[in-house]
Amino acid sequence: MSLRGVGLAEIPEETARVARAVFPKGCLAMRVRDTLGPVFADAQFEGLFPVRGRPAVSPARLALVSVLQFAEGLTDRQAAHAVRSRLDWKYALSLELTDTGFDFSVLSEFRGRLVDGDAGREVFDAVLRAAGEAGLVKPGKRQRTDATHVLAATRDLNRLEFVVETLRAALNQLAEEAGDWLVGVAAPEWFDRYSARPEDSRFPSRWAARVEHGDQCGADGMVVLEALWSSAAPPGLRSLPAVEFLRRTWVQQFHHVDGAVRWREPKNLPPGLIRLRTPHEPEARTGSKRDLGWSGYKVHLSETCEPDAPHLITHVHTTPAPVNDVVVLEDIHTALAERGLLPDEHLVDAGYIDAEQIHHARRDHSMELVGPVKATSVKGQVSGDFFDNTHFTVDWDQRRAVCPDGQSSVQWREAQSHRGTPVTRVRFAARHCGPCTLRTSCTDAQTGRNLTLRPQAEHDVLQQARIEQDTDHWRRRYGHRAGVEGTISQAVQAFGLRRSRYRGLAKTRLQHHLTGAAVNLARLDAWLTGRPLARTRVSPFAALRPAGTSPAGRN
């Protein structure tokens, strides 16, 4: 299949006449086309198609169909039917009234090309770029970012179900590739243990019996792996995807104890970022946030938030579930810089904020990162029982610190934190701390007080941020961040953002780019028709809260 350029600039005269007669006030697809123009061009996708072969359906049209499909929540069959039958779609796609469209399977094939070429962001960027050319999105001013969890397309498995299903999936693939060899390896009782799906099996209810069942599964899986790595195994079986997944899972879930295969204790399992969860979606991981735990992914949405322009999503960033918010912030800033859409002020919650990020945003992007910084992470200092670093005077030029009692430090050395970042270790002498009258508020260490300081620029940023966030001006400034919660709610409720439609990180990332583009179309349409933003809903009882009390009921 090869690409043949198709121009979408001109809408057929008869299509335009009939569509405007039927929709005199317009509709989403028509208004977006009139405001943004064609949005896509075939040249944007030429790298996804070979030079020779039968002509392909215009990828520019397929990209717009995909975005409209996500905007209206249609299946591939419904979207293909809309191309054939709906006037507003023919208008937006520059199609003749008699055009019969294409088979629905073309949409799945096109998404596959977008995934293989990592071109989902190009679709999202094209909508954003068209909005910028129409003067509806501009760099500078304010933007805000937040993240939400995304559930994997596969069913969540508990630990026992996971290891049983992993072994069952490997046995099924081995049965297809080398059934005669597998019959000689499998014990007769395996056909009762691993023929049915885990959800169709009745596992023991007692914990000790479940552990015993898990150990038995581990021993059976080890028999399979040892047979596969023997010289008698048929060639090529080790490289089967299900076999490789089985090997990795057994490394993570089991170990040898006194010559027997045993289930690992929970504390000995690998971290969530590399821990496998299901053989049917190897890239899914387990994430947690406060009391919420889930298996799948996480998506970060950034949007504009000025009152004189539509609130459009400017960046979509998808990661595995356990990735911390603060890790992705620099990637978000870099992507916004590439588009020329860096804000002057970026509003984020506490998960994205630390002194290093605030300093880097100012140094690298001339941007103010606004969000609540933690007062301290040291036990005792959180409750105010002990002096934190703000009670000490630091002289960076003289390389010394002075405590609240006026004593100077006796040691100053450069070191690294547990994360590998540079820090400064400062120590005060025990001879000064021992008889000090402020000792009970400073330290209970017998060797004297120790301080850990960030690099000077970050230290100064942190001290300033802690002072500023206690002011009313800062609270009013930060209050604009709350609106991004509404964006996430709209994407979840109206566009199905919460659950992945597809398996794998790459396909989920494409889904989120198409969803972001669809949300932007809906918001552009709301802006063009003058539909105001929805007000925050407050229940009748909550509206009775006395003035001056917090939402949590504390004065």
Protein backbone atom coordinates (compact mmCIF):
# COMPACT_ATOMS: atom_id res chain seq x y z
CA MET A 1 0.00 0.00 0.00
CA SER A 2 1.51 3.34 -1.06
CA LEU A 3 0.55 6.96 -0.51
CA ARG A 4 -1.12 9.10 -3.15
CA GLY A 5 -1.49 12.75 -2.17
CA VAL A 6 -5.07 14.01 -1.81
CA GLY A 7 -5.96 17.65 -1.35
CA LEU A 8 -8.46 18.43 1.42
CA ALA A 9 -8.43 22.19 1.06
CA GLU A 10 -11.53 22.45 -1.12
CA ILE A 11 -14.93 21.17 0.00
CA PRO A 12 -17.00 19.94 -2.99
CA GLU A 13 -19.58 22.55 -3.91
CA GLU A 14 -22.58 20.23 -3.74
CA THR A 15 -21.47 18.79 -0.39
CA ALA A 16 -21.10 22.29 1.07
CA ARG A 17 -24.51 23.42 -0.28
CA VAL A 18 -26.44 20.44 1.06
CA ALA A 19 -24.64 20.36 4.41
CA ARG A 20 -25.31 24.05 5.08
CA ALA A 21 -28.95 23.58 4.09
CA VAL A 22 -29.37 20.67 6.48
CA PHE A 23 -27.28 22.26 9.27
CA PRO A 24 -27.97 26.00 8.97
CA LYS A 25 -26.46 26.61 12.43
CA GLY A 26 -23.61 24.20 11.84
CA CYS A 27 -22.40 21.34 14.06
CA LEU A 28 -19.13 20.28 15.66
CA ALA A 29 -17.52 18.71 12.59
CA MET A 30 -18.54 21.61 10.33
CA ARG A 31 -17.57 24.38 12.76
CA VAL A 32 -14.18 22.82 13.39
CA ARG A 33 -13.57 22.51 9.65
CA ASP A 34 -14.59 26.13 9.03
CA THR A 35 -12.40 27.41 11.89
CA LEU A 36 -9.32 25.20 11.65
CA GLY A 37 -9.32 24.30 7.96
CA PRO A 38 -8.26 20.84 6.74
CA VAL A 39 -6.05 20.31 9.89
CA PHE A 40 -4.18 17.35 8.35
CA ALA A 41 -2.23 16.82 5.12
CA ASP A 42 -1.10 13.55 3.55
CA ALA A 43 2.50 14.77 3.53
CA GLN A 44 2.54 14.59 7.35
CA PHE A 45 2.20 10.80 7.18
CA GLU A 46 4.28 9.97 4.12
CA GLY A 47 6.93 8.25 6.25
CA LEU A 48 4.37 5.63 7.34
CA PHE A 49 3.74 4.31 3.82
CA PRO A 50 5.98 2.60 1.23
CA VAL A 51 6.82 4.28 -2.05
CA ARG A 52 5.31 1.51 -4.17
CA GLY A 53 2.08 -0.47 -3.83
CA ARG A 54 -1.64 -0.02 -4.25
CA PRO A 55 -2.97 3.44 -3.38
CA ALA A 56 -3.91 3.98 0.27
CA VAL A 57 -6.92 5.77 1.67
CA SER A 58 -5.85 9.35 2.40
CA PRO A 59 -4.11 9.29 5.81
CA ALA A 60 -5.12 12.92 6.32
CA ARG A 61 -8.75 11.84 6.12
CA LEU A 62 -8.11 8.80 8.31
CA ALA A 63 -6.47 11.00 10.95
CA LEU A 64 -9.46 13.34 11.04
CA VAL A 65 -11.85 10.37 11.09
CA SER A 66 -9.92 8.91 14.04
CA VAL A 67 -10.17 12.16 16.02
CA LEU A 68 -13.89 12.56 15.23
CA GLN A 69 -14.37 8.90 16.16
CA PHE A 70 -12.87 9.52 19.61
CA ALA A 71 -14.82 12.78 19.96
CA GLU A 72 -18.10 10.90 19.53
CA GLY A 73 -17.09 7.59 21.12
CA LEU A 74 -17.69 5.50 17.99
CA THR A 75 -16.44 2.05 17.12
CA ASP A 76 -14.53 1.47 13.88
CA ARG A 77 -17.67 0.16 12.18
CA GLN A 78 -19.71 3.16 13.32
CA ALA A 79 -17.01 5.61 12.23
CA ALA A 80 -16.76 4.02 8.76
CA HIS A 81 -20.55 4.15 8.49
CA ALA A 82 -20.50 7.86 9.46
CA VAL A 83 -18.05 8.56 6.62
CA ARG A 84 -20.48 6.95 4.15
CA SER A 85 -23.72 8.38 5.48
CA ARG A 86 -23.27 11.64 7.42
CA LEU A 87 -23.28 15.01 5.71
CA ASP A 88 -21.32 16.78 8.43
CA TRP A 89 -18.49 14.24 8.21
CA LYS A 90 -18.39 14.46 4.40
CA TYR A 91 -18.18 18.24 4.77
CA ALA A 92 -15.28 18.02 7.24
CA LEU A 93 -13.49 15.39 5.10
CA SER A 94 -14.00 17.21 1.74
CA LEU A 95 -15.86 14.22 0.28
CA GLU A 96 -18.38 14.11 -2.52
CA LEU A 97 -21.94 13.21 -1.51
CA THR A 98 -21.67 10.00 -3.50
CA ASP A 99 -18.40 8.86 -1.87
CA THR A 100 -18.84 5.36 -0.41
CA GLY A 101 -16.04 5.66 2.11
CA PHE A 102 -13.87 2.69 3.09
CA ASP A 103 -13.98 -0.59 4.97
CA PHE A 104 -13.85 -0.23 8.75
CA SER A 105 -10.70 -2.39 8.97
CA VAL A 106 -8.72 0.47 7.38
CA LEU A 107 -8.94 2.41 10.66
CA SER A 108 -7.31 -0.37 12.65
CA GLU A 109 -4.56 -0.68 10.04
CA PHE A 110 -3.97 3.09 10.15
CA ARG A 111 -3.67 3.06 13.94
CA GLY A 112 -1.15 0.25 13.60
CA ARG A 113 0.95 2.43 11.29
CA LEU A 114 0.71 5.31 13.77
CA VAL A 115 1.89 3.04 16.58
CA ASP A 116 4.77 1.58 14.54
CA GLY A 117 5.89 5.06 13.49
CA ASP A 118 5.25 6.62 16.92
CA ALA A 119 3.16 9.20 15.08
CA GLY A 120 0.27 9.60 17.51
CA ARG A 121 1.71 12.83 18.79
CA GLU A 122 1.75 14.19 15.23
CA VAL A 123 -2.04 13.80 15.08
CA PHE A 124 -2.45 15.61 18.40
CA ASP A 125 0.03 18.33 17.42
CA ALA A 126 -1.71 18.96 14.09
CA VAL A 127 -4.97 19.87 15.86
CA LEU A 128 -3.08 22.07 18.33
CA ARG A 129 -1.10 23.70 15.53
CA ALA A 130 -4.28 24.50 13.58
CA ALA A 131 -5.80 26.04 16.71
CA GLY A 132 -2.66 28.15 17.13
CA GLU A 133 -2.85 29.38 13.53
CA ALA A 134 -6.46 30.37 14.24
CA GLY A 135 -5.25 32.41 17.23
CA LEU A 136 -6.94 30.17 19.79
CA VAL A 137 -3.84 28.98 21.64
CA LYS A 138 -0.73 31.04 22.39
CA PRO A 139 2.52 30.61 24.32
CA GLY A 140 3.09 32.25 27.66
CA LYS A 141 0.61 33.05 30.42
CA ARG A 142 -0.61 30.16 32.58
CA GLN A 143 -0.88 26.42 32.11
CA ARG A 144 -1.67 23.63 34.56
CA THR A 145 -0.88 19.92 34.69
CA ASP A 146 -2.23 16.91 36.54
CA ALA A 147 -2.23 13.13 36.14
CA THR A 148 -4.76 10.35 36.50
CA HIS A 149 -4.64 6.57 36.53
CA VAL A 150 -5.52 4.43 33.51
CA LEU A 151 -6.65 0.83 33.91
CA ALA A 152 -5.15 -1.81 31.64
CA ALA A 153 -7.41 -3.47 29.08
CA THR A 154 -6.84 -6.87 30.69
CA ARG A 155 -8.43 -8.20 33.89
CA ASP A 156 -6.51 -7.58 37.09
CA LEU A 157 -5.12 -10.79 38.61
CA ASN A 158 -4.17 -11.57 42.17
CA ARG A 159 -0.76 -13.10 42.72
CA LEU A 160 -1.86 -16.77 42.64
CA GLU A 161 -4.01 -16.23 39.54
CA PHE A 162 -1.08 -14.45 37.90
CA VAL A 163 1.46 -17.28 38.24
CA VAL A 164 -1.09 -19.94 37.25
CA GLU A 165 -2.21 -17.98 34.19
CA THR A 166 1.41 -17.30 33.20
CA LEU A 167 2.23 -21.01 33.24
CA ARG A 168 -1.04 -21.85 31.45
CA ALA A 169 -0.30 -19.31 28.69
CA ALA A 170 3.20 -20.76 28.20
CA LEU A 171 1.86 -24.31 28.05
CA ASN A 172 -0.74 -23.31 25.44
CA GLN A 173 1.87 -21.69 23.21
CA LEU A 174 4.22 -24.64 23.59
CA ALA A 175 1.34 -27.00 22.74
CA GLU A 176 0.82 -25.14 19.45
CA GLU A 177 4.51 -25.14 18.54
CA ALA A 178 5.71 -28.50 19.87
CA GLY A 179 2.80 -30.54 21.21
CA ASP A 180 4.50 -33.94 20.93
CA TRP A 181 7.51 -32.73 22.90
CA LEU A 182 5.30 -31.13 25.60
CA VAL A 183 3.37 -34.37 26.17
CA GLY A 184 6.62 -35.99 27.24
CA VAL A 185 7.34 -33.18 29.72
CA ALA A 186 3.91 -32.55 31.26
CA ALA A 187 2.79 -34.59 34.27
CA PRO A 188 -0.74 -36.08 34.01
CA GLU A 189 -2.08 -33.89 36.83
CA TRP A 190 -1.10 -30.73 34.91
CA PHE A 191 -4.09 -31.16 32.63
CA ASP A 192 -6.38 -30.68 35.64
CA ARG A 193 -4.35 -27.79 37.09
CA TYR A 194 -3.73 -25.70 33.97
CA SER A 195 -6.38 -26.52 31.36
CA ALA A 196 -8.97 -24.03 32.72
CA ARG A 197 -8.64 -20.30 33.16
CA PRO A 198 -7.85 -19.13 36.71
CA GLU A 199 -11.24 -17.44 37.04
CA ASP A 200 -12.89 -20.78 36.27
CA SER A 201 -10.82 -22.59 38.91
CA ARG A 202 -11.51 -22.89 42.62
CA PHE A 203 -8.38 -21.97 44.53
CA PRO A 204 -8.00 -22.75 48.25
CA SER A 205 -9.44 -20.14 50.61
CA ARG A 206 -6.94 -20.64 53.44
CA TRP A 207 -3.72 -18.64 53.04
CA ALA A 208 -1.43 -21.56 53.89
CA ALA A 209 -3.13 -23.72 51.27
CA ARG A 210 -2.81 -20.92 48.68
CA VAL A 211 0.91 -20.62 49.40
CA GLU A 212 1.23 -24.39 48.96
CA HIS A 213 -0.64 -24.17 45.64
CA GLY A 214 1.68 -21.34 44.55
CA ASP A 215 4.76 -23.40 45.49
CA GLN A 216 3.40 -26.31 43.44
CA CYS A 217 2.85 -24.04 40.45
CA GLY A 218 6.41 -22.74 40.86
CA ALA A 219 7.81 -26.28 40.87
CA ASP A 220 5.79 -27.20 37.76
CA GLY A 221 6.98 -24.08 35.95
CA MET A 222 10.57 -24.86 36.86
CA VAL A 223 10.19 -28.32 35.30
CA VAL A 224 9.08 -26.66 32.05
CA LEU A 225 11.97 -24.17 32.10
CA GLU A 226 14.58 -26.85 32.80
CA ALA A 227 13.19 -28.95 29.95
CA LEU A 228 13.29 -25.96 27.60
CA TRP A 229 16.93 -25.24 28.43
CA SER A 230 18.00 -28.87 28.01
CA SER A 231 19.75 -30.08 24.88
CA ALA A 232 16.74 -32.26 23.99
CA ALA A 233 14.36 -29.28 23.57
CA PRO A 234 13.35 -28.38 20.00
CA PRO A 235 15.16 -25.28 18.73
CA GLY A 236 13.39 -21.93 18.91
CA LEU A 237 11.08 -22.67 21.84
CA ARG A 238 13.07 -20.51 24.26
CA SER A 239 12.41 -17.41 22.16
CA LEU A 240 8.61 -17.76 22.24
CA PRO A 241 7.03 -14.67 23.88
CA ALA A 242 5.05 -16.70 26.44
CA VAL A 243 8.17 -18.70 27.38
CA GLU A 244 10.26 -15.56 27.89
CA PHE A 245 7.47 -14.08 30.00
CA LEU A 246 7.35 -17.29 32.04
CA ARG A 247 11.11 -17.13 32.67
CA ARG A 248 10.97 -13.49 33.80
CA THR A 249 7.96 -14.13 36.01
CA TRP A 250 9.58 -17.11 37.74
CA VAL A 251 12.69 -15.03 38.47
CA GLN A 252 10.49 -12.38 40.10
CA GLN A 253 8.04 -14.64 41.94
CA PHE A 254 10.02 -17.73 43.06
CA HIS A 255 13.39 -18.73 44.49
CA HIS A 256 15.12 -21.90 45.67
CA VAL A 257 15.07 -22.68 49.39
CA ASP A 258 16.89 -25.85 50.49
CA GLY A 259 16.62 -27.25 46.98
CA ALA A 260 12.86 -26.60 46.66
CA VAL A 261 11.05 -23.93 44.65
CA ARG A 262 9.26 -21.51 46.99
CA TRP A 263 7.15 -18.41 46.58
CA ARG A 264 9.00 -15.21 47.44
CA GLU A 265 7.89 -13.19 50.45
CA PRO A 266 6.17 -9.92 49.45
CA LYS A 267 9.11 -7.90 50.79
CA ASN A 268 11.43 -9.76 48.38
CA LEU A 269 9.42 -8.96 45.24
CA PRO A 270 10.91 -6.49 42.71
CA PRO A 271 9.77 -2.85 42.65
CA GLY A 272 6.54 -1.98 40.88
CA LEU A 273 8.26 -0.38 37.89
CA ILE A 274 9.61 -3.77 36.69
CA ARG A 275 7.19 -6.20 38.36
CA LEU A 276 5.08 -8.09 35.81
CA ARG A 277 1.30 -8.26 36.32
CA THR A 278 -0.31 -10.33 33.56
CA PRO A 279 0.94 -12.44 30.64
CA HIS A 280 -1.66 -10.87 28.38
CA GLU A 281 -0.25 -7.34 28.75
CA PRO A 282 3.45 -7.52 29.61
CA GLU A 283 3.88 -3.72 29.82
CA ALA A 284 1.16 -3.17 32.45
CA ARG A 285 2.48 -2.29 35.91
CA THR A 286 0.96 -1.67 39.33
CA GLY A 287 0.73 1.88 40.59
CA SER A 288 -0.51 3.37 43.86
CA LYS A 289 -1.50 6.82 45.03
CA ARG A 290 -2.72 7.33 48.57
CA ASP A 291 -5.37 4.61 49.08
CA LEU A 292 -5.73 3.80 45.37
CA GLY A 293 -3.97 0.91 43.67
CA TRP A 294 -4.34 -0.12 40.04
CA SER A 295 -2.69 -2.07 37.23
CA GLY A 296 -2.05 -0.22 33.99
CA TYR A 297 -0.70 3.20 33.15
CA LYS A 298 -0.76 6.88 34.07
CA VAL A 299 -1.51 9.87 31.84
CA HIS A 300 -0.51 13.51 32.42
CA LEU A 301 -2.59 16.29 30.85
CA SER A 302 -1.39 19.89 30.50
CA GLU A 303 -3.77 22.66 29.44
CA THR A 304 -4.08 26.41 29.02
CA CYS A 305 -6.26 28.17 31.58
CA GLU A 306 -6.72 31.82 30.58
CA PRO A 307 -10.27 33.26 30.70
CA ASP A 308 -10.01 34.98 27.30
CA ALA A 309 -9.30 31.79 25.27
CA PRO A 310 -10.53 28.19 25.14
CA HIS A 311 -8.87 25.85 27.63
CA LEU A 312 -7.02 23.48 25.29
CA ILE A 313 -4.83 20.51 26.15
CA THR A 314 -1.27 21.34 25.12
CA HIS A 315 0.49 18.10 26.01
CA VAL A 316 -0.37 14.46 26.72
CA HIS A 317 2.21 12.25 28.41
CA THR A 318 1.64 8.54 29.10
CA THR A 319 3.84 6.45 31.40
CA PRO A 320 3.75 3.11 33.25
CA ALA A 321 1.67 3.34 36.42
CA PRO A 322 4.49 3.47 39.03
CA VAL A 323 6.41 6.40 37.47
CA ASN A 324 6.42 9.36 39.87
CA ASP A 325 4.96 12.64 38.67
CA VAL A 326 8.12 14.63 39.40
CA VAL A 327 10.13 12.41 37.01
CA VAL A 328 8.13 13.43 33.92
CA LEU A 329 7.99 17.18 34.50
CA GLU A 330 11.16 17.96 32.55
CA ASP A 331 9.89 15.87 29.62
CA ILE A 332 6.66 17.90 29.65
CA HIS A 333 8.57 21.19 29.64
CA THR A 334 10.82 20.00 26.82
CA ALA A 335 7.82 18.97 24.70
CA LEU A 336 6.08 22.31 25.29
CA ALA A 337 9.29 24.13 24.35
CA GLU A 338 9.51 22.16 21.08
CA ARG A 339 5.98 23.30 20.20
CA GLY A 340 6.71 26.90 21.23
CA LEU A 341 4.01 26.70 23.91
CA LEU A 342 5.93 27.12 27.14
CA PRO A 343 3.88 29.02 29.75
CA ASP A 344 5.15 31.85 31.91
CA GLU A 345 3.57 30.16 34.91
CA HIS A 346 3.03 26.41 35.33
CA LEU A 347 0.60 25.28 38.05
CA VAL A 348 1.08 21.74 39.39
CA ASP A 349 0.29 19.80 42.55
CA ALA A 350 2.73 18.61 45.20
CA GLY A 351 3.61 15.43 43.30
CA TYR A 352 5.48 17.43 40.63
CA ILE A 353 7.23 19.88 42.94
CA ASP A 354 10.64 19.94 44.52
CA ALA A 355 13.40 22.54 44.73
CA GLU A 356 15.33 21.01 41.83
CA GLN A 357 12.35 21.26 39.47
CA ILE A 358 11.60 24.87 40.46
CA HIS A 359 15.24 25.83 39.89
CA HIS A 360 15.48 24.03 36.54
CA ALA A 361 12.23 25.59 35.30
CA ARG A 362 13.62 29.05 36.01
CA ARG A 363 17.11 28.35 34.69
CA ASP A 364 16.23 26.39 31.54
CA HIS A 365 12.83 27.77 30.54
CA SER A 366 12.46 31.15 32.30
CA MET A 367 9.24 29.80 33.79
CA GLU A 368 7.71 29.93 37.27
CA LEU A 369 6.72 26.52 38.61
CA VAL A 370 3.96 27.02 41.15
CA GLY A 371 2.93 24.31 43.58
CA PRO A 372 3.10 23.40 47.27
CA VAL A 373 6.52 22.26 48.47
CA LYS A 374 6.83 19.99 51.49
CA ALA A 375 7.84 21.75 54.68
CA THR A 376 10.25 18.95 55.60
CA SER A 377 10.51 15.19 55.37
CA VAL A 378 12.41 14.63 58.64
CA LYS A 379 10.51 12.97 61.46
CA GLY A 380 9.97 15.40 64.33
CA GLN A 381 10.50 18.45 62.14
CA VAL A 382 7.13 17.91 60.46
CA SER A 383 5.30 18.39 63.76
CA GLY A 384 7.58 21.27 64.81
CA ASP A 385 9.17 19.36 67.70
CA PHE A 386 12.66 19.95 66.24
CA PHE A 387 14.32 22.83 64.43
CA ASP A 388 14.39 22.31 60.66
CA ASN A 389 16.97 23.78 58.28
CA THR A 390 15.21 27.14 58.15
CA HIS A 391 16.35 27.84 61.73
CA PHE A 392 20.02 27.73 60.68
CA THR A 393 21.96 30.52 58.98
CA VAL A 394 23.98 29.19 56.06
CA ASP A 395 27.04 31.05 54.78
CA TRP A 396 27.85 29.43 51.45
CA ASP A 397 30.93 31.56 50.79
CA GLN A 398 32.55 30.68 54.12
CA ARG A 399 31.24 27.08 53.94
CA ARG A 400 29.73 27.06 57.37
CA ALA A 401 26.35 27.14 59.13
CA VAL A 402 25.31 28.80 62.38
CA CYS A 403 22.76 27.17 64.69
CA PRO A 404 19.97 29.01 66.60
CA ASP A 405 22.28 29.17 69.65
CA GLY A 406 25.02 30.91 67.65
CA GLN A 407 27.44 27.97 67.36
CA SER A 408 29.23 27.41 64.03
CA SER A 409 29.50 24.06 62.26
CA VAL A 410 32.74 22.12 62.49
CA GLN A 411 32.44 20.10 59.28
CA TRP A 412 31.27 20.92 55.75
CA ARG A 413 31.62 18.33 53.00
CA GLU A 414 30.12 17.60 49.60
CA ALA A 415 28.32 14.27 49.21
CA GLN A 416 25.48 12.54 47.37
CA SER A 417 21.99 11.66 48.52
CA HIS A 418 20.45 8.18 48.26
CA ARG A 419 19.06 9.28 44.88
CA GLY A 420 22.51 10.20 43.61
CA THR A 421 21.90 13.96 43.67
CA PRO A 422 24.57 16.36 45.09
CA VAL A 423 24.09 17.48 48.69
CA THR A 424 26.17 19.16 51.39
CA ARG A 425 26.62 17.45 54.77
CA VAL A 426 27.10 19.82 57.72
CA ARG A 427 27.95 18.71 61.26
CA PHE A 428 27.99 20.52 64.58
CA ALA A 429 30.33 19.44 67.38
CA ALA A 430 29.03 17.30 70.23
CA ARG A 431 30.85 19.57 72.70
CA HIS A 432 28.61 22.44 71.61
CA CYS A 433 25.36 20.48 71.31
CA GLY A 434 25.71 18.57 74.62
CA PRO A 435 25.36 21.48 77.08
CA CYS A 436 23.16 23.62 74.75
CA THR A 437 19.91 24.89 76.34
CA LEU A 438 18.09 24.43 72.97
CA ARG A 439 19.18 20.81 72.61
CA THR A 440 15.71 19.34 73.24
CA SER A 441 14.36 21.35 70.28
CA CYS A 442 17.32 20.68 68.02
CA THR A 443 18.58 17.08 68.19
CA ASP A 444 18.62 13.90 70.25
CA ALA A 445 21.81 12.61 68.55
CA GLN A 446 24.75 11.99 70.90
CA THR A 447 27.26 13.13 68.25
CA GLY A 448 25.70 16.55 67.67
CA ARG A 449 23.35 18.03 65.08
CA ASN A 450 23.77 17.14 61.40
CA LEU A 451 22.30 19.05 58.46
CA THR A 452 21.80 17.92 54.87
CA LEU A 453 21.62 20.85 52.44
CA ARG A 454 20.74 20.93 48.77
CA PRO A 455 22.96 22.90 46.34
CA GLN A 456 22.83 26.61 47.08
CA ALA A 457 20.48 27.57 44.24
CA GLU A 458 17.98 24.87 45.19
CA HIS A 459 18.34 25.63 48.90
CA ASP A 460 17.49 29.29 48.33
CA VAL A 461 14.57 28.39 46.07
CA LEU A 462 13.17 26.02 48.67
CA GLN A 463 13.40 28.54 51.51
CA GLN A 464 11.70 31.20 49.39
CA ALA A 465 8.94 28.82 48.27
CA ARG A 466 8.15 27.78 51.83
CA ILE A 467 7.71 31.40 52.85
CA GLU A 468 5.61 32.37 49.81
CA GLN A 469 3.14 29.49 50.00
CA ASP A 470 1.89 30.72 53.40
CA THR A 471 0.60 33.97 51.86
CA ASP A 472 -2.93 34.72 50.59
CA HIS A 473 -1.49 35.97 47.30
CA TRP A 474 0.12 32.58 46.64
CA ARG A 475 -3.12 30.73 47.52
CA ARG A 476 -5.13 32.83 45.07
CA ARG A 477 -2.47 32.30 42.43
CA TYR A 478 -2.39 28.53 42.97
CA GLY A 479 -6.19 28.29 43.10
CA HIS A 480 -6.34 28.28 39.28
CA ARG A 481 -4.76 24.80 39.25
CA ALA A 482 -7.99 23.18 40.46
CA GLY A 483 -9.61 23.56 37.04
CA VAL A 484 -7.49 20.78 35.56
CA GLU A 485 -9.51 18.34 37.69
CA GLY A 486 -12.50 19.23 35.53
CA THR A 487 -10.49 18.47 32.40
CA ILE A 488 -9.59 15.04 33.71
CA SER A 489 -13.23 14.45 34.68
CA GLN A 490 -14.40 15.41 31.18
CA ALA A 491 -11.80 13.14 29.56
CA VAL A 492 -12.81 10.24 31.80
CA GLN A 493 -16.59 10.66 31.71
CA ALA A 494 -17.10 11.75 28.09
CA PHE A 495 -14.09 10.26 26.29
CA GLY A 496 -13.28 7.01 28.12
CA LEU A 497 -9.82 8.02 29.33
CA ARG A 498 -9.93 5.86 32.47
CA ARG A 499 -9.54 2.48 30.74
CA SER A 500 -7.16 1.60 27.92
CA ARG A 501 -8.89 0.37 24.77
CA TYR A 502 -5.78 -1.46 23.62
CA ARG A 503 -2.95 -3.54 25.05
CA GLY A 504 0.54 -2.17 25.49
CA LEU A 505 2.06 1.20 26.32
CA ALA A 506 2.52 2.30 22.70
CA LYS A 507 -1.13 1.70 21.78
CA THR A 508 -2.35 3.27 25.01
CA ARG A 509 -0.20 6.33 24.28
CA LEU A 510 -1.85 6.60 20.84
CA GLN A 511 -5.29 6.36 22.46
CA HIS A 512 -4.41 9.24 24.78
CA HIS A 513 -3.14 11.44 21.95
CA LEU A 514 -6.36 10.84 19.99
CA THR A 515 -8.39 11.48 23.13
CA GLY A 516 -6.52 14.74 23.77
CA ALA A 517 -7.20 15.87 20.21
CA ALA A 518 -10.89 14.93 20.59
CA VAL A 519 -11.20 16.90 23.84
CA ASN A 520 -9.68 19.91 22.09
CA LEU A 521 -12.23 19.68 19.27
CA ALA A 522 -15.06 19.56 21.79
CA ARG A 523 -13.67 22.56 23.67
CA LEU A 524 -13.12 24.53 20.50
CA ASP A 525 -16.74 23.88 19.54
CA ALA A 526 -17.92 25.00 22.98
CA TRP A 527 -15.86 28.18 22.65
CA LEU A 528 -17.16 28.93 19.15
CA THR A 529 -20.78 28.48 20.23
CA GLY A 530 -20.36 30.51 23.41
CA ARG A 531 -21.12 27.61 25.74
CA PRO A 532 -19.74 28.62 29.17
CA LEU A 533 -17.60 26.42 31.38
CA ALA A 534 -19.61 24.32 33.81
CA ARG A 535 -19.62 25.56 37.37
CA THR A 536 -18.30 23.37 40.17
CA ARG A 537 -21.22 21.33 41.46
CA VAL A 538 -22.02 21.70 45.16
CA SER A 539 -24.62 19.56 46.88
CA PRO A 540 -27.49 21.37 48.68
CA PHE A 541 -26.19 20.22 52.07
CA ALA A 542 -22.59 21.27 51.32
CA ALA A 543 -23.91 24.72 50.33
CA LEU A 544 -25.09 25.18 53.93
CA ARG A 545 -21.51 25.10 55.29
CA PRO A 546 -20.94 28.13 57.53
CA ALA A 547 -18.64 30.79 56.13
CA GLY A 548 -15.04 30.59 57.28
CA THR A 549 -14.90 26.82 57.66
CA SER A 550 -12.77 24.56 55.48
CA PRO A 551 -14.25 21.78 53.28
CA ALA A 552 -12.95 19.29 55.81
CA GLY A 553 -14.91 20.99 58.55
CA ARG A 554 -11.85 22.48 60.36
CA ASN A 555 -11.66 26.18 61.14
